[in-house]
Amino acid sequence: MRVPPTETPLSTNQDGVSAEYPAPATEVVTSWKVACSGDEALGLGHPRVWLSISPEMGWVDCGYCDKRFVIDREHAHGDH
């Protein structure tokens, strides 16, 4: 599996930080648009947000809970 870049287009410069502080949870998805509402079972729920995965990056982080959604390009469907 390819290692994603350490910076998203909307983030500040965080080179080297990802290795020290990895995403608390990562989910491989097949849709370019995903919804996240946190993990209510662990008491980490938040308002539902819809996120779009950039084809260039191949992943997106939730701004509330930092969960990372990584696209499975081989099985992806949708509008990208």
PDB file of N, CA and C in Angstrom:
ATOM      1  N   MET A   1       0.845  -1.180   0.000  1.00  0.00           N
ATOM      2  CA  MET A   1       0.000   0.000   0.000  1.00  0.00           C
ATOM      3  C   MET A   1       0.886   1.238   0.000  1.00  0.00           C
ATOM      4  N   ARG A   2       0.507   2.212  -0.793  1.00  0.00           N
ATOM      5  CA  ARG A   2       1.264   3.457  -0.848  1.00  0.00           C
ATOM      6  C   ARG A   2       1.078   4.249   0.425  1.00  0.00           C
ATOM      7  N   VAL A   3       2.129   4.943   0.830  1.00  0.00           N
ATOM      8  CA  VAL A   3       2.047   5.814   1.999  1.00  0.00           C
ATOM      9  C   VAL A   3       1.557   7.171   1.520  1.00  0.00           C
ATOM     10  N   PRO A   4       0.450   7.699   2.078  1.00  0.00           N
ATOM     11  CA  PRO A   4      -0.075   8.988   1.628  1.00  0.00           C
ATOM     12  C   PRO A   4       0.839  10.132   2.056  1.00  0.00           C
ATOM     13  N   PRO A   5       0.779  11.255   1.316  1.00  0.00           N
ATOM     14  CA  PRO A   5       1.542  12.435   1.720  1.00  0.00           C
ATOM     15  C   PRO A   5       1.126  12.880   3.116  1.00  0.00           C
ATOM     16  N   THR A   6       1.965  13.672   3.761  1.00  0.00           N
ATOM     17  CA  THR A   6       1.687  14.066   5.137  1.00  0.00           C
ATOM     18  C   THR A   6       0.845  15.322   5.241  1.00  0.00           C
ATOM     19  N   GLU A   7       0.477  15.929   4.122  1.00  0.00           N
ATOM     20  CA  GLU A   7      -0.240  17.192   4.207  1.00  0.00           C
ATOM     21  C   GLU A   7      -1.432  17.203   3.263  1.00  0.00           C
ATOM     22  N   THR A   8      -2.575  17.667   3.721  1.00  0.00           N
ATOM     23  CA  THR A   8      -3.734  17.848   2.869  1.00  0.00           C
ATOM     24  C   THR A   8      -3.729  19.280   2.370  1.00  0.00           C
ATOM     25  N   PRO A   9      -4.457  19.572   1.294  1.00  0.00           N
ATOM     26  CA  PRO A   9      -4.464  20.939   0.771  1.00  0.00           C
ATOM     27  C   PRO A   9      -5.002  21.971   1.760  1.00  0.00           C
ATOM     28  N   LEU A  10      -5.801  21.545   2.727  1.00  0.00           N
ATOM     29  CA  LEU A  10      -6.401  22.492   3.661  1.00  0.00           C
ATOM     30  C   LEU A  10      -5.661  22.575   4.990  1.00  0.00           C
ATOM     31  N   SER A  11      -4.582  21.833   5.144  1.00  0.00           N
ATOM     32  CA  SER A  11      -3.876  21.833   6.420  1.00  0.00           C
ATOM     33  C   SER A  11      -2.682  22.766   6.396  1.00  0.00           C
ATOM     34  N   THR A  12      -2.130  22.996   7.565  1.00  0.00           N
ATOM     35  CA  THR A  12      -0.878  23.738   7.641  1.00  0.00           C
ATOM     36  C   THR A  12       0.262  22.763   7.420  1.00  0.00           C
ATOM     37  N   ASN A  13       1.466  23.249   7.323  1.00  0.00           N
ATOM     38  CA  ASN A  13       2.615  22.381   7.099  1.00  0.00           C
ATOM     39  C   ASN A  13       2.800  21.474   8.310  1.00  0.00           C
ATOM     40  N   GLN A  14       2.675  20.177   8.088  1.00  0.00           N
ATOM     41  CA  GLN A  14       2.775  19.213   9.175  1.00  0.00           C
ATOM     42  C   GLN A  14       3.760  18.107   8.854  1.00  0.00           C
ATOM     43  N   ASP A  15       4.774  18.398   8.043  1.00  0.00           N
ATOM     44  CA  ASP A  15       5.749  17.370   7.687  1.00  0.00           C
ATOM     45  C   ASP A  15       6.387  16.783   8.936  1.00  0.00           C
ATOM     46  N   GLY A  16       6.432  15.477   9.006  1.00  0.00           N
ATOM     47  CA  GLY A  16       7.047  14.791  10.135  1.00  0.00           C
ATOM     48  C   GLY A  16       6.112  14.557  11.301  1.00  0.00           C
ATOM     49  N   VAL A  17       4.994  15.257  11.355  1.00  0.00           N
ATOM     50  CA  VAL A  17       4.072  15.120  12.485  1.00  0.00           C
ATOM     51  C   VAL A  17       3.263  13.830  12.375  1.00  0.00           C
ATOM     52  N   SER A  18       2.899  13.430  11.151  1.00  0.00           N
ATOM     53  CA  SER A  18       2.057  12.248  10.980  1.00  0.00           C
ATOM     54  C   SER A  18       2.699  10.994  11.543  1.00  0.00           C
ATOM     55  N   ALA A  19       4.001  10.869  11.423  1.00  0.00           N
ATOM     56  CA  ALA A  19       4.673   9.682  11.949  1.00  0.00           C
ATOM     57  C   ALA A  19       4.602   9.645  13.476  1.00  0.00           C
ATOM     58  N   GLU A  20       4.677  10.811  14.103  1.00  0.00           N
ATOM     59  CA  GLU A  20       4.627  10.877  15.560  1.00  0.00           C
ATOM     60  C   GLU A  20       3.207  10.723  16.086  1.00  0.00           C
ATOM     61  N   TYR A  21       2.244  11.281  15.367  1.00  0.00           N
ATOM     62  CA  TYR A  21       0.850  11.280  15.801  1.00  0.00           C
ATOM     63  C   TYR A  21      -0.029  10.762  14.664  1.00  0.00           C
ATOM     64  N   PRO A  22      -0.104   9.451  14.476  1.00  0.00           N
ATOM     65  CA  PRO A  22      -0.928   8.915  13.391  1.00  0.00           C
ATOM     66  C   PRO A  22      -2.411   9.166  13.656  1.00  0.00           C
ATOM     67  N   ALA A  23      -3.211   9.069  12.596  1.00  0.00           N
ATOM     68  CA  ALA A  23      -4.656   9.231  12.739  1.00  0.00           C
ATOM     69  C   ALA A  23      -5.170   8.209  13.748  1.00  0.00           C
ATOM     70  N   PRO A  24      -6.102   8.608  14.633  1.00  0.00           N
ATOM     71  CA  PRO A  24      -6.605   7.677  15.647  1.00  0.00           C
ATOM     72  C   PRO A  24      -7.343   6.484  15.046  1.00  0.00           C
ATOM     73  N   ALA A  25      -7.920   6.672  13.880  1.00  0.00           N
ATOM     74  CA  ALA A  25      -8.612   5.576  13.193  1.00  0.00           C
ATOM     75  C   ALA A  25      -8.505   5.810  11.696  1.00  0.00           C
ATOM     76  N   THR A  26      -8.376   4.741  10.942  1.00  0.00           N
ATOM     77  CA  THR A  26      -8.307   4.820   9.486  1.00  0.00           C
ATOM     78  C   THR A  26      -9.305   3.835   8.911  1.00  0.00           C
ATOM     79  N   GLU A  27     -10.045   4.292   7.902  1.00  0.00           N
ATOM     80  CA  GLU A  27     -11.019   3.423   7.246  1.00  0.00           C
ATOM     81  C   GLU A  27     -10.788   3.478   5.746  1.00  0.00           C
ATOM     82  N   VAL A  28     -10.668   2.322   5.119  1.00  0.00           N
ATOM     83  CA  VAL A  28     -10.532   2.236   3.669  1.00  0.00           C
ATOM     84  C   VAL A  28     -11.944   2.201   3.096  1.00  0.00           C
ATOM     85  N   VAL A  29     -12.218   3.094   2.135  1.00  0.00           N
ATOM     86  CA  VAL A  29     -13.562   3.238   1.584  1.00  0.00           C
ATOM     87  C   VAL A  29     -13.527   3.087   0.068  1.00  0.00           C
ATOM     88  N   THR A  30     -14.692   2.862  -0.537  1.00  0.00           N
ATOM     89  CA  THR A  30     -14.787   2.724  -1.989  1.00  0.00           C
ATOM     90  C   THR A  30     -15.560   3.865  -2.627  1.00  0.00           C
ATOM     91  N   SER A  31     -15.966   4.842  -1.848  1.00  0.00           N
ATOM     92  CA  SER A  31     -16.700   6.000  -2.350  1.00  0.00           C
ATOM     93  C   SER A  31     -15.866   7.255  -2.142  1.00  0.00           C
ATOM     94  N   TRP A  32     -15.900   8.154  -3.131  1.00  0.00           N
ATOM     95  CA  TRP A  32     -15.112   9.390  -3.052  1.00  0.00           C
ATOM     96  C   TRP A  32     -15.717  10.380  -2.068  1.00  0.00           C
ATOM     97  N   LYS A  33     -16.989  10.208  -1.715  1.00  0.00           N
ATOM     98  CA  LYS A  33     -17.648  11.070  -0.730  1.00  0.00           C
ATOM     99  C   LYS A  33     -18.066  10.199   0.446  1.00  0.00           C
ATOM    100  N   VAL A  34     -17.686  10.620   1.646  1.00  0.00           N
ATOM    101  CA  VAL A  34     -17.975   9.833   2.843  1.00  0.00           C
ATOM    102  C   VAL A  34     -18.594  10.723   3.912  1.00  0.00           C
ATOM    103  N   ALA A  35     -19.346  10.103   4.812  1.00  0.00           N
ATOM    104  CA  ALA A  35     -19.929  10.812   5.947  1.00  0.00           C
ATOM    105  C   ALA A  35     -19.245  10.332   7.214  1.00  0.00           C
ATOM    106  N   CYS A  36     -19.033  11.253   8.149  1.00  0.00           N
ATOM    107  CA  CYS A  36     -18.444  10.897   9.437  1.00  0.00           C
ATOM    108  C   CYS A  36     -19.260  11.562  10.540  1.00  0.00           C
ATOM    109  N   SER A  37     -19.593  10.785  11.553  1.00  0.00           N
ATOM    110  CA  SER A  37     -20.279  11.338  12.723  1.00  0.00           C
ATOM    111  C   SER A  37     -19.597  10.875  14.003  1.00  0.00           C
ATOM    112  N   GLY A  38     -18.332  10.500  13.882  1.00  0.00           N
ATOM    113  CA  GLY A  38     -17.569  10.071  15.051  1.00  0.00           C
ATOM    114  C   GLY A  38     -17.934   8.662  15.463  1.00  0.00           C
ATOM    115  N   ASP A  39     -17.390   8.228  16.571  1.00  0.00           N
ATOM    116  CA  ASP A  39     -17.659   6.898  17.111  1.00  0.00           C
ATOM    117  C   ASP A  39     -18.484   7.056  18.379  1.00  0.00           C
ATOM    118  N   GLU A  40     -19.801   7.004  18.215  1.00  0.00           N
ATOM    119  CA  GLU A  40     -20.689   7.224  19.356  1.00  0.00           C
ATOM    120  C   GLU A  40     -20.555   6.127  20.408  1.00  0.00           C
ATOM    121  N   ALA A  41     -20.153   4.928  20.006  1.00  0.00           N
ATOM    122  CA  ALA A  41     -19.988   3.835  20.968  1.00  0.00           C
ATOM    123  C   ALA A  41     -18.882   4.147  21.974  1.00  0.00           C
ATOM    124  N   LEU A  42     -17.888   4.913  21.539  1.00  0.00           N
ATOM    125  CA  LEU A  42     -16.802   5.302  22.439  1.00  0.00           C
ATOM    126  C   LEU A  42     -17.040   6.671  23.069  1.00  0.00           C
ATOM    127  N   GLY A  43     -18.202   7.251  22.803  1.00  0.00           N
ATOM    128  CA  GLY A  43     -18.496   8.576  23.341  1.00  0.00           C
ATOM    129  C   GLY A  43     -17.817   9.690  22.572  1.00  0.00           C
ATOM    130  N   LEU A  44     -17.447   9.406  21.326  1.00  0.00           N
ATOM    131  CA  LEU A  44     -16.738  10.394  20.513  1.00  0.00           C
ATOM    132  C   LEU A  44     -17.582  10.883  19.349  1.00  0.00           C
ATOM    133  N   GLY A  45     -18.885  10.939  19.544  1.00  0.00           N
ATOM    134  CA  GLY A  45     -19.768  11.387  18.482  1.00  0.00           C
ATOM    135  C   GLY A  45     -19.637  12.880  18.230  1.00  0.00           C
ATOM    136  N   HIS A  46     -19.995  13.300  17.023  1.00  0.00           N
ATOM    137  CA  HIS A  46     -19.989  14.715  16.647  1.00  0.00           C
ATOM    138  C   HIS A  46     -21.017  14.910  15.541  1.00  0.00           C
ATOM    139  N   PRO A  47     -21.333  16.150  15.180  1.00  0.00           N
ATOM    140  CA  PRO A  47     -22.294  16.360  14.090  1.00  0.00           C
ATOM    141  C   PRO A  47     -21.815  15.668  12.813  1.00  0.00           C
ATOM    142  N   ARG A  48     -22.745  15.094  12.062  1.00  0.00           N
ATOM    143  CA  ARG A  48     -22.378  14.416  10.815  1.00  0.00           C
ATOM    144  C   ARG A  48     -21.851  15.432   9.811  1.00  0.00           C
ATOM    145  N   VAL A  49     -20.720  15.098   9.227  1.00  0.00           N
ATOM    146  CA  VAL A  49     -20.124  15.926   8.180  1.00  0.00           C
ATOM    147  C   VAL A  49     -19.878  15.045   6.960  1.00  0.00           C
ATOM    148  N   TRP A  50     -19.991  15.652   5.786  1.00  0.00           N
ATOM    149  CA  TRP A  50     -19.708  14.961   4.535  1.00  0.00           C
ATOM    150  C   TRP A  50     -18.354  15.429   4.037  1.00  0.00           C
ATOM    151  N   LEU A  51     -17.514  14.497   3.654  1.00  0.00           N
ATOM    152  CA  LEU A  51     -16.153  14.794   3.227  1.00  0.00           C
ATOM    153  C   LEU A  51     -15.931  14.257   1.820  1.00  0.00           C
ATOM    154  N   SER A  52     -15.177  15.002   1.017  1.00  0.00           N
ATOM    155  CA  SER A  52     -14.819  14.565  -0.331  1.00  0.00           C
ATOM    156  C   SER A  52     -13.341  14.222  -0.369  1.00  0.00           C
ATOM    157  N   ILE A  53     -13.032  13.068  -0.900  1.00  0.00           N
ATOM    158  CA  ILE A  53     -11.644  12.638  -1.024  1.00  0.00           C
ATOM    159  C   ILE A  53     -11.092  13.169  -2.337  1.00  0.00           C
ATOM    160  N   SER A  54      -9.995  13.864  -2.264  1.00  0.00           N
ATOM    161  CA  SER A  54      -9.338  14.416  -3.443  1.00  0.00           C
ATOM    162  C   SER A  54      -8.638  13.298  -4.212  1.00  0.00           C
ATOM    163  N   PRO A  55      -8.804  13.243  -5.545  1.00  0.00           N
ATOM    164  CA  PRO A  55      -8.105  12.214  -6.328  1.00  0.00           C
ATOM    165  C   PRO A  55      -6.583  12.333  -6.221  1.00  0.00           C
ATOM    166  N   GLU A  56      -6.088  13.539  -6.047  1.00  0.00           N
ATOM    167  CA  GLU A  56      -4.645  13.744  -5.937  1.00  0.00           C
ATOM    168  C   GLU A  56      -4.102  13.195  -4.619  1.00  0.00           C
ATOM    169  N   MET A  57      -4.837  13.405  -3.528  1.00  0.00           N
ATOM    170  CA  MET A  57      -4.374  12.977  -2.208  1.00  0.00           C
ATOM    171  C   MET A  57      -4.707  11.512  -1.945  1.00  0.00           C
ATOM    172  N   GLY A  58      -5.931  11.117  -2.262  1.00  0.00           N
ATOM    173  CA  GLY A  58      -6.347   9.746  -2.010  1.00  0.00           C
ATOM    174  C   GLY A  58      -6.851   9.498  -0.603  1.00  0.00           C
ATOM    175  N   TRP A  59      -6.951  10.548   0.208  1.00  0.00           N
ATOM    176  CA  TRP A  59      -7.447  10.414   1.576  1.00  0.00           C
ATOM    177  C   TRP A  59      -7.927  11.770   2.078  1.00  0.00           C
ATOM    178  N   VAL A  60      -8.715  11.725   3.157  1.00  0.00           N
ATOM    179  CA  VAL A  60      -9.201  12.946   3.804  1.00  0.00           C
ATOM    180  C   VAL A  60      -9.363  12.646   5.288  1.00  0.00           C
ATOM    181  N   ASP A  61      -9.100  13.651   6.124  1.00  0.00           N
ATOM    182  CA  ASP A  61      -9.262  13.525   7.573  1.00  0.00           C
ATOM    183  C   ASP A  61     -10.504  14.288   8.013  1.00  0.00           C
ATOM    184  N   CYS A  62     -11.233  13.744   8.973  1.00  0.00           N
ATOM    185  CA  CYS A  62     -12.372  14.436   9.566  1.00  0.00           C
ATOM    186  C   CYS A  62     -11.842  15.555  10.462  1.00  0.00           C
ATOM    187  N   GLY A  63     -12.408  16.725  10.332  1.00  0.00           N
ATOM    188  CA  GLY A  63     -11.984  17.868  11.132  1.00  0.00           C
ATOM    189  C   GLY A  63     -12.389  17.778  12.594  1.00  0.00           C
ATOM    190  N   TYR A  64     -13.363  16.931  12.907  1.00  0.00           N
ATOM    191  CA  TYR A  64     -13.802  16.780  14.294  1.00  0.00           C
ATOM    192  C   TYR A  64     -12.998  15.715  15.042  1.00  0.00           C
ATOM    193  N   CYS A  65     -12.941  14.519  14.483  1.00  0.00           N
ATOM    194  CA  CYS A  65     -12.355  13.393  15.227  1.00  0.00           C
ATOM    195  C   CYS A  65     -11.030  12.894  14.648  1.00  0.00           C
ATOM    196  N   ASP A  66     -10.572  13.494  13.558  1.00  0.00           N
ATOM    197  CA  ASP A  66      -9.304  13.138  12.904  1.00  0.00           C
ATOM    198  C   ASP A  66      -9.295  11.748  12.281  1.00  0.00           C
ATOM    199  N   LYS A  67     -10.453  11.113  12.153  1.00  0.00           N
ATOM    200  CA  LYS A  67     -10.497   9.818  11.483  1.00  0.00           C
ATOM    201  C   LYS A  67     -10.087  10.014  10.032  1.00  0.00           C
ATOM    202  N   ARG A  68      -9.266   9.118   9.522  1.00  0.00           N
ATOM    203  CA  ARG A  68      -8.772   9.222   8.148  1.00  0.00           C
ATOM    204  C   ARG A  68      -9.516   8.233   7.263  1.00  0.00           C
ATOM    205  N   PHE A  69     -10.027   8.738   6.142  1.00  0.00           N
ATOM    206  CA  PHE A  69     -10.693   7.918   5.142  1.00  0.00           C
ATOM    207  C   PHE A  69      -9.768   7.822   3.937  1.00  0.00           C
ATOM    208  N   VAL A  70      -9.386   6.594   3.574  1.00  0.00           N
ATOM    209  CA  VAL A  70      -8.466   6.343   2.468  1.00  0.00           C
ATOM    210  C   VAL A  70      -9.233   5.620   1.370  1.00  0.00           C
ATOM    211  N   ILE A  71      -9.120   6.124   0.127  1.00  0.00           N
ATOM    212  CA  ILE A  71      -9.853   5.527  -0.985  1.00  0.00           C
ATOM    213  C   ILE A  71      -9.149   4.257  -1.472  1.00  0.00           C
ATOM    214  N   ASP A  72      -9.925   3.234  -1.749  1.00  0.00           N
ATOM    215  CA  ASP A  72      -9.427   2.013  -2.388  1.00  0.00           C
ATOM    216  C   ASP A  72      -9.619   2.228  -3.883  1.00  0.00           C
ATOM    217  N   ARG A  73      -8.594   2.689  -4.554  1.00  0.00           N
ATOM    218  CA  ARG A  73      -8.707   3.089  -5.961  1.00  0.00           C
ATOM    219  C   ARG A  73      -9.129   1.941  -6.873  1.00  0.00           C
ATOM    220  N   GLU A  74      -8.756   0.726  -6.554  1.00  0.00           N
ATOM    221  CA  GLU A  74      -9.112  -0.417  -7.398  1.00  0.00           C
ATOM    222  C   GLU A  74     -10.609  -0.717  -7.368  1.00  0.00           C
ATOM    223  N   HIS A  75     -11.262  -0.418  -6.258  1.00  0.00           N
ATOM    224  CA  HIS A  75     -12.684  -0.722  -6.114  1.00  0.00           C
ATOM    225  C   HIS A  75     -13.546   0.526  -5.962  1.00  0.00           C
ATOM    226  N   ALA A  76     -12.974   1.685  -6.217  1.00  0.00           N
ATOM    227  CA  ALA A  76     -13.700   2.949  -6.023  1.00  0.00           C
ATOM    228  C   ALA A  76     -14.803   3.115  -7.061  1.00  0.00           C
ATOM    229  N   HIS A  77     -15.893   3.702  -6.614  1.00  0.00           N
ATOM    230  CA  HIS A  77     -16.988   4.058  -7.510  1.00  0.00           C
ATOM    231  C   HIS A  77     -17.416   5.471  -7.158  1.00  0.00           C
ATOM    232  N   GLY A  78     -18.131   6.093  -8.035  1.00  0.00           N
ATOM    233  CA  GLY A  78     -18.563   7.464  -7.772  1.00  0.00           C
ATOM    234  C   GLY A  78     -18.162   8.378  -8.908  1.00  0.00           C
ATOM    235  N   ASP A  79     -18.043   9.652  -8.608  1.00  0.00           N
ATOM    236  CA  ASP A  79     -17.856  10.646  -9.665  1.00  0.00           C
ATOM    237  C   ASP A  79     -16.425  11.109  -9.878  1.00  0.00           C
ATOM    238  N   HIS A  80     -15.408  10.403  -9.382  1.00  0.00           N
ATOM    239  CA  HIS A  80     -14.018  10.799  -9.676  1.00  0.00           C
ATOM    240  C   HIS A  80     -13.392   9.796 -10.588  1.00  0.00           C
TER     241      HIS A  80
END
